[in-house]
Amino acid sequence: MNKRLFLKTGDKVMHINYFSWGTGEVVEEKHSTLPGGCCLVRILFQDGNARSFINDLNNHSCCYYTGIRLIHEQRIWEN
């Protein structure tokens, strides 16, 4: 089964349950070369801590399902 990746390096994110972490940025991606291996992302949050999460949407422990959400930058001054 192909992996469906949620985040990529440079994405801005937040956690819906831990507002005290602040916003975060994906600073690293790791992909296993072994069949069945997992994909991880490391996110550096404003609180100064880097946290690692599973990045495969086919995995029930994916960071999306645990509360990580993308922050979409909206340009309110431009049409």
N, C-alpha and C. Protein backbone atom coordinates (compact mmCIF):
# COMPACT_ATOMS: atom_id res chain seq x y z
N MET A 1 0.84 -1.18 0.00
CA MET A 1 0.00 0.00 0.00
C MET A 1 0.88 1.24 0.00
N ASN A 2 0.58 2.19 -0.87
CA ASN A 2 1.34 3.43 -0.93
C ASN A 2 1.05 4.31 0.26
N LYS A 3 2.07 5.03 0.69
CA LYS A 3 1.91 5.95 1.80
C LYS A 3 1.27 7.24 1.29
N ARG A 4 0.39 7.80 2.10
CA ARG A 4 -0.22 9.10 1.79
C ARG A 4 0.32 10.09 2.81
N LEU A 5 1.23 10.94 2.40
CA LEU A 5 1.88 11.87 3.31
C LEU A 5 1.02 13.10 3.54
N PHE A 6 0.99 13.56 4.78
CA PHE A 6 0.18 14.71 5.17
C PHE A 6 0.99 16.00 5.14
N LEU A 7 2.18 16.00 5.69
CA LEU A 7 3.00 17.21 5.82
C LEU A 7 4.28 17.11 5.01
N LYS A 8 4.82 18.27 4.66
CA LYS A 8 6.12 18.33 4.01
C LYS A 8 6.95 19.42 4.70
N THR A 9 8.24 19.39 4.49
CA THR A 9 9.14 20.36 5.11
C THR A 9 8.71 21.78 4.76
N GLY A 10 8.67 22.62 5.78
CA GLY A 10 8.29 24.02 5.58
C GLY A 10 6.84 24.32 5.91
N ASP A 11 5.99 23.29 6.04
CA ASP A 11 4.58 23.51 6.38
C ASP A 11 4.46 24.13 7.76
N LYS A 12 3.52 25.05 7.91
CA LYS A 12 3.21 25.66 9.21
C LYS A 12 2.00 24.93 9.79
N VAL A 13 2.09 24.58 11.08
CA VAL A 13 1.05 23.77 11.70
C VAL A 13 0.73 24.28 13.11
N MET A 14 -0.34 23.74 13.68
CA MET A 14 -0.68 23.95 15.07
C MET A 14 -1.32 22.66 15.59
N HIS A 15 -1.36 22.49 16.90
CA HIS A 15 -2.02 21.33 17.50
C HIS A 15 -3.32 21.83 18.12
N ILE A 16 -4.43 21.17 17.80
CA ILE A 16 -5.73 21.65 18.25
C ILE A 16 -5.96 21.45 19.75
N ASN A 17 -5.16 20.63 20.40
CA ASN A 17 -5.34 20.39 21.84
C ASN A 17 -4.29 21.05 22.71
N TYR A 18 -3.18 21.48 22.13
CA TYR A 18 -2.07 22.03 22.90
C TYR A 18 -1.71 23.43 22.39
N PHE A 19 -2.57 24.40 22.68
CA PHE A 19 -2.34 25.77 22.23
C PHE A 19 -1.07 26.36 22.83
N SER A 20 -0.66 25.86 24.01
CA SER A 20 0.54 26.39 24.67
C SER A 20 1.81 26.09 23.87
N TRP A 21 1.78 25.13 22.95
CA TRP A 21 2.93 24.84 22.11
C TRP A 21 3.18 25.96 21.12
N GLY A 22 2.14 26.70 20.76
CA GLY A 22 2.24 27.72 19.73
C GLY A 22 2.22 27.10 18.35
N THR A 23 2.53 27.90 17.35
CA THR A 23 2.58 27.37 16.00
C THR A 23 3.91 26.65 15.79
N GLY A 24 3.91 25.79 14.81
CA GLY A 24 5.11 25.02 14.53
C GLY A 24 5.43 24.99 13.05
N GLU A 25 6.64 24.57 12.76
CA GLU A 25 7.07 24.42 11.37
C GLU A 25 7.74 23.06 11.21
N VAL A 26 7.39 22.37 10.14
CA VAL A 26 8.01 21.07 9.84
C VAL A 26 9.44 21.34 9.41
N VAL A 27 10.39 20.82 10.18
CA VAL A 27 11.80 21.07 9.88
C VAL A 27 12.52 19.84 9.32
N GLU A 28 11.87 18.66 9.40
CA GLU A 28 12.54 17.45 8.91
C GLU A 28 11.51 16.38 8.57
N GLU A 29 11.78 15.65 7.50
CA GLU A 29 10.99 14.47 7.12
C GLU A 29 11.92 13.27 7.08
N LYS A 30 11.43 12.13 7.55
CA LYS A 30 12.20 10.88 7.44
C LYS A 30 11.28 9.81 6.88
N HIS A 31 11.80 9.08 5.91
CA HIS A 31 11.03 8.03 5.25
C HIS A 31 11.82 6.72 5.34
N SER A 32 11.17 5.68 5.78
CA SER A 32 11.80 4.37 5.86
C SER A 32 11.90 3.76 4.47
N THR A 33 13.01 3.09 4.20
CA THR A 33 13.17 2.41 2.92
C THR A 33 12.71 0.96 3.00
N LEU A 34 12.37 0.50 4.20
CA LEU A 34 11.91 -0.87 4.38
C LEU A 34 10.41 -0.97 4.12
N PRO A 35 9.95 -2.07 3.52
CA PRO A 35 8.52 -2.26 3.33
C PRO A 35 7.80 -2.25 4.69
N GLY A 36 6.74 -1.47 4.77
CA GLY A 36 5.99 -1.37 6.02
C GLY A 36 6.58 -0.39 7.02
N GLY A 37 7.69 0.24 6.67
CA GLY A 37 8.31 1.23 7.56
C GLY A 37 7.49 2.50 7.63
N CYS A 38 7.73 3.30 8.65
CA CYS A 38 6.89 4.49 8.82
C CYS A 38 7.59 5.75 8.32
N CYS A 39 6.79 6.79 8.15
CA CYS A 39 7.26 8.11 7.76
C CYS A 39 7.06 9.03 8.95
N LEU A 40 8.09 9.79 9.26
CA LEU A 40 8.03 10.69 10.41
C LEU A 40 8.32 12.12 9.98
N VAL A 41 7.77 13.06 10.75
CA VAL A 41 8.12 14.47 10.60
C VAL A 41 8.52 15.01 11.96
N ARG A 42 9.47 15.93 11.95
CA ARG A 42 9.86 16.63 13.17
C ARG A 42 9.37 18.07 13.02
N ILE A 43 8.64 18.51 14.05
CA ILE A 43 8.05 19.85 14.04
C ILE A 43 8.65 20.65 15.18
N LEU A 44 9.16 21.85 14.87
CA LEU A 44 9.69 22.75 15.87
C LEU A 44 8.59 23.75 16.21
N PHE A 45 8.17 23.75 17.47
CA PHE A 45 7.09 24.63 17.93
C PHE A 45 7.66 25.88 18.58
N GLN A 46 6.82 26.89 18.74
CA GLN A 46 7.23 28.17 19.32
C GLN A 46 7.70 28.03 20.76
N ASP A 47 7.28 26.99 21.46
CA ASP A 47 7.72 26.82 22.85
C ASP A 47 9.17 26.34 22.93
N GLY A 48 9.80 26.13 21.76
CA GLY A 48 11.20 25.75 21.72
C GLY A 48 11.45 24.26 21.65
N ASN A 49 10.41 23.46 21.68
CA ASN A 49 10.56 22.01 21.63
C ASN A 49 10.27 21.48 20.23
N ALA A 50 11.08 20.51 19.83
CA ALA A 50 10.85 19.80 18.57
C ALA A 50 10.17 18.48 18.92
N ARG A 51 9.09 18.17 18.23
CA ARG A 51 8.35 16.94 18.49
C ARG A 51 8.22 16.16 17.19
N SER A 52 8.26 14.83 17.30
CA SER A 52 8.16 13.96 16.12
C SER A 52 6.79 13.31 16.07
N PHE A 53 6.29 13.16 14.85
CA PHE A 53 4.97 12.58 14.63
C PHE A 53 5.01 11.67 13.41
N ILE A 54 4.10 10.70 13.37
CA ILE A 54 3.92 9.85 12.20
C ILE A 54 3.21 10.68 11.13
N ASN A 55 3.65 10.54 9.88
CA ASN A 55 3.17 11.40 8.79
C ASN A 55 2.42 10.64 7.70
N ASP A 56 1.97 9.44 7.94
CA ASP A 56 1.29 8.62 6.94
C ASP A 56 -0.21 8.59 7.25
N LEU A 57 -1.02 9.17 6.37
CA LEU A 57 -2.47 9.22 6.59
C LEU A 57 -3.12 7.84 6.62
N ASN A 58 -2.43 6.82 6.11
CA ASN A 58 -2.95 5.45 6.17
C ASN A 58 -2.75 4.82 7.55
N ASN A 59 -1.98 5.47 8.41
CA ASN A 59 -1.70 4.98 9.75
C ASN A 59 -2.66 5.66 10.73
N HIS A 60 -3.32 4.88 11.57
CA HIS A 60 -4.30 5.46 12.51
C HIS A 60 -3.65 6.37 13.55
N SER A 61 -2.33 6.36 13.64
CA SER A 61 -1.60 7.24 14.57
C SER A 61 -0.99 8.45 13.87
N CYS A 62 -1.43 8.72 12.65
CA CYS A 62 -0.92 9.86 11.89
C CYS A 62 -1.14 11.15 12.68
N CYS A 63 -0.24 12.10 12.51
CA CYS A 63 -0.33 13.36 13.23
C CYS A 63 -1.65 14.09 12.96
N TYR A 64 -2.25 13.91 11.80
CA TYR A 64 -3.54 14.55 11.52
C TYR A 64 -4.60 14.03 12.48
N TYR A 65 -4.63 12.73 12.70
CA TYR A 65 -5.64 12.13 13.57
C TYR A 65 -5.39 12.42 15.05
N THR A 66 -4.17 12.81 15.39
CA THR A 66 -3.86 13.14 16.79
C THR A 66 -3.98 14.63 17.08
N GLY A 67 -4.29 15.46 16.06
CA GLY A 67 -4.59 16.86 16.33
C GLY A 67 -3.75 17.89 15.63
N ILE A 68 -2.79 17.49 14.81
CA ILE A 68 -1.98 18.47 14.07
C ILE A 68 -2.77 18.95 12.86
N ARG A 69 -2.83 20.27 12.70
CA ARG A 69 -3.54 20.86 11.56
C ARG A 69 -2.66 21.86 10.85
N LEU A 70 -2.78 21.90 9.53
CA LEU A 70 -2.06 22.89 8.72
C LEU A 70 -2.64 24.27 8.97
N ILE A 71 -1.78 25.27 8.97
CA ILE A 71 -2.21 26.65 9.03
C ILE A 71 -2.10 27.20 7.63
N HIS A 72 -3.23 27.53 7.06
CA HIS A 72 -3.23 28.08 5.70
C HIS A 72 -3.11 29.58 5.80
N GLU A 73 -2.05 30.10 5.22
CA GLU A 73 -1.85 31.55 5.24
C GLU A 73 -2.82 32.18 4.27
N GLN A 74 -3.67 33.03 4.80
CA GLN A 74 -4.64 33.72 3.96
C GLN A 74 -4.19 35.16 3.77
N ARG A 75 -4.22 35.61 2.56
CA ARG A 75 -3.81 36.97 2.24
C ARG A 75 -5.05 37.84 2.18
N ILE A 76 -5.37 38.46 3.30
CA ILE A 76 -6.62 39.22 3.37
C ILE A 76 -6.52 40.55 2.65
N TRP A 77 -5.30 41.01 2.36
CA TRP A 77 -5.14 42.31 1.71
C TRP A 77 -5.10 42.19 0.20
N GLU A 78 -5.02 40.98 -0.32
CA GLU A 78 -4.95 40.79 -1.76
C GLU A 78 -6.21 40.09 -2.24
N ASN A 79 -6.62 40.40 -3.45
CA ASN A 79 -7.79 39.73 -4.05
C ASN A 79 -7.37 38.53 -4.83
